Amino acid sequence: MAVAIRLSRGGAKKRPYYRIVVADSRAARDGKYLEQIGTYNPMLPKDSGERVKLDEDRARHWLSVGATPSDRVARFLDAAGVRERAARNNPKKGEPGEAAKERAEEKATKAAEAEEARKAAEEEANTPTPAEEAAVEDSPSAEEGAASEDSDTATEAEEKAE
């Protein structure tokens, strides 16, 4: 007979309370069981010591004779140090669905368009308008004035030399 260590539900509606039982794997969830080895009360806070009570000696005994724990009970046994639980890896579980991927893609394209528009507006603000360019060309800057004085003195020096 295949033996399983699993949870058997009790308690009122919306107020679950579980027994950790050793039962024939073919038996009903809340049906006949061989032995009760602990309790689990999910209504208590996670840091409460009363949340999971487990008879570790009996759990070790049933594991030694071939009982297989359910996933939840395997977590309890790992927390109690009775049996090491191998971590599961499902890389597709964390992957977003098709609709979420489409929303992320649309968001990325909108962000890229907004960045391009911001850069274009920044460049437009930095480039001078034609009226400003004309004003800059008409007024000589300090460097141009110094250069024109040097050219005047150079022409005067040539005239004196002749």
Protein backbone atom coordinates (compact mmCIF):
# COMPACT_ATOMS: atom_id res chain seq x y z
CA MET A 1 0.00 0.00 0.00
CA ALA A 2 1.27 3.50 -0.92
CA VAL A 3 1.40 5.72 2.16
CA ALA A 4 1.35 9.51 2.05
CA ILE A 5 1.93 12.19 4.67
CA ARG A 6 -0.54 14.92 3.85
CA LEU A 7 -2.99 17.47 5.21
CA SER A 8 -6.55 16.64 6.19
CA ARG A 9 -8.84 19.68 6.34
CA GLY A 10 -11.07 20.47 9.24
CA GLY A 11 -12.55 23.62 10.74
CA ALA A 12 -15.45 25.81 9.74
CA LYS A 13 -16.11 27.56 6.47
CA LYS A 14 -13.42 30.24 5.85
CA ARG A 15 -11.65 29.10 9.05
CA PRO A 16 -9.39 26.22 7.96
CA TYR A 17 -7.59 23.93 10.36
CA TYR A 18 -5.50 21.00 9.15
CA ARG A 19 -4.26 17.76 10.64
CA ILE A 20 -0.97 16.37 9.36
CA VAL A 21 -1.85 12.71 8.82
CA VAL A 22 -0.34 9.53 7.47
CA ALA A 23 -2.90 7.92 5.16
CA ASP A 24 -3.27 5.50 2.30
CA SER A 25 -2.75 7.57 -0.85
CA ARG A 26 -6.03 6.19 -2.30
CA ALA A 27 -8.11 7.35 0.68
CA ALA A 28 -10.20 10.54 0.55
CA ARG A 29 -8.57 13.78 1.65
CA ASP A 30 -10.59 14.05 4.84
CA GLY A 31 -11.26 10.35 5.10
CA LYS A 32 -9.71 7.49 7.06
CA TYR A 33 -6.06 7.83 8.05
CA LEU A 34 -3.48 5.63 9.78
CA GLU A 35 -2.06 8.15 12.24
CA GLN A 36 -2.17 11.84 13.02
CA ILE A 37 1.36 13.23 13.46
CA GLY A 38 0.68 16.97 13.74
CA THR A 39 -1.50 19.99 13.12
CA TYR A 40 -1.37 23.14 10.99
CA ASN A 41 -3.39 26.28 11.70
CA PRO A 42 -2.97 28.81 8.85
CA MET A 43 -5.04 31.40 10.72
CA LEU A 44 -2.21 32.03 13.19
CA PRO A 45 0.64 34.45 12.37
CA LYS A 46 3.61 33.00 10.51
CA ASP A 47 6.02 33.58 13.39
CA SER A 48 3.78 31.76 15.88
CA GLY A 49 5.11 28.48 17.28
CA GLU A 50 1.56 27.11 17.46
CA ARG A 51 1.04 27.43 13.69
CA VAL A 52 2.68 24.08 12.88
CA LYS A 53 2.96 21.30 15.45
CA LEU A 54 4.70 18.14 14.31
CA ASP A 55 5.76 14.92 16.02
CA GLU A 56 9.21 14.66 14.45
CA ASP A 57 9.94 11.13 15.70
CA ARG A 58 6.79 9.71 14.10
CA ALA A 59 7.45 11.67 10.90
CA ARG A 60 10.95 10.16 10.70
CA HIS A 61 9.50 6.70 11.29
CA TRP A 62 6.95 7.01 8.49
CA LEU A 63 9.53 8.45 6.11
CA SER A 64 11.84 5.51 6.88
CA VAL A 65 9.13 3.01 5.92
CA GLY A 66 8.49 4.75 2.59
CA ALA A 67 5.78 7.36 3.15
CA THR A 68 5.89 10.23 0.65
CA PRO A 69 5.06 13.73 1.91
CA SER A 70 2.90 16.17 -0.03
CA ASP A 71 4.50 19.44 -1.16
CA ARG A 72 3.17 21.45 1.79
CA VAL A 73 4.11 18.78 4.33
CA ALA A 74 7.57 18.53 2.74
CA ARG A 75 7.99 22.25 3.49
CA PHE A 76 7.01 21.67 7.12
CA LEU A 77 9.45 18.76 7.41
CA ASP A 78 12.23 20.87 5.91
CA ALA A 79 11.53 23.72 8.35
CA ALA A 80 11.61 21.24 11.25
CA GLY A 81 14.90 19.75 10.03
CA VAL A 82 13.45 16.26 9.54
CA ARG A 83 13.95 15.99 5.79
CA GLU A 84 15.80 18.16 3.26
CA ARG A 85 13.54 19.49 0.51
CA ALA A 86 14.99 20.10 -2.92
CA ALA A 87 14.12 23.54 -4.22
CA ARG A 88 11.96 23.55 -7.30
CA ASN A 89 12.76 25.61 -10.37
CA ASN A 90 10.13 26.71 -12.84
CA PRO A 91 11.64 29.50 -14.95
CA LYS A 92 8.43 29.99 -16.95
CA LYS A 93 6.41 30.76 -13.82
CA GLY A 94 7.91 34.22 -13.43
CA GLU A 95 7.64 35.04 -17.13
CA PRO A 96 4.88 37.55 -17.96
CA GLY A 97 1.96 36.54 -20.18
CA GLU A 98 1.30 37.69 -23.74
CA ALA A 99 -0.82 40.70 -22.77
CA ALA A 100 1.75 41.90 -20.24
CA LYS A 101 4.51 41.58 -22.84
CA GLU A 102 2.46 43.67 -25.30
CA ARG A 103 1.82 46.35 -22.66
CA ALA A 104 5.54 46.50 -21.83
CA GLU A 105 6.40 46.81 -25.52
CA GLU A 106 3.89 49.66 -26.00
CA LYS A 107 5.25 51.41 -22.92
CA ALA A 108 8.81 51.11 -24.26
CA THR A 109 7.86 52.57 -27.65
CA LYS A 110 6.01 55.47 -26.00
CA ALA A 111 9.04 56.16 -23.81
CA ALA A 112 11.33 56.11 -26.87
CA GLU A 113 9.03 58.52 -28.74
CA ALA A 114 8.89 60.85 -25.74
CA GLU A 115 12.71 60.79 -25.51
CA GLU A 116 13.01 61.66 -29.22
CA ALA A 117 10.52 64.50 -28.83
CA ARG A 118 12.41 65.82 -25.81
CA LYS A 119 15.71 65.76 -27.72
CA ALA A 120 14.13 67.50 -30.72
CA ALA A 121 12.68 70.22 -28.47
CA GLU A 122 16.04 70.64 -26.75
CA GLU A 123 17.86 71.00 -30.08
CA GLU A 124 15.26 73.47 -31.29
CA ALA A 125 15.72 75.55 -28.15
CA ASN A 126 19.51 75.53 -28.55
CA THR A 127 19.60 76.54 -32.24
CA PRO A 128 19.30 80.34 -32.78
CA THR A 129 16.44 81.73 -34.87
CA PRO A 130 17.26 83.54 -38.16
CA ALA A 131 16.63 86.93 -36.51
CA GLU A 132 19.12 86.10 -33.75
CA GLU A 133 21.67 84.93 -36.33
CA ALA A 134 21.35 88.25 -38.21
CA ALA A 135 21.81 90.23 -35.01
CA VAL A 136 24.92 88.25 -34.15
CA GLU A 137 26.40 88.78 -37.65
CA ASP A 138 25.78 92.56 -37.61
CA SER A 139 27.43 93.25 -34.26
CA PRO A 140 31.17 92.61 -34.24
CA SER A 141 32.42 90.64 -31.32
CA ALA A 142 35.47 91.58 -29.26
CA GLU A 143 37.66 89.16 -31.14
CA GLU A 144 36.59 90.49 -34.53
CA GLY A 145 37.23 94.06 -33.34
CA ALA A 146 40.74 93.17 -32.20
CA ALA A 147 41.41 91.43 -35.47
CA SER A 148 40.23 94.46 -37.48
CA GLU A 149 42.51 96.76 -35.46
CA ASP A 150 45.46 94.48 -36.17
CA SER A 151 44.68 94.56 -39.89
CA ASP A 152 44.43 98.39 -39.76
CA THR A 153 47.83 98.67 -38.11
CA ALA A 154 49.28 96.20 -40.59
CA THR A 155 48.03 98.28 -43.56
CA GLU A 156 49.33 101.45 -41.93
CA ALA A 157 52.71 99.82 -41.45
CA GLU A 158 52.78 98.84 -45.12
CA GLU A 159 51.93 102.35 -46.21
CA LYS A 160 54.73 103.81 -44.09
CA ALA A 161 57.12 101.28 -45.45
CA GLU A 162 56.40 102.39 -49.04
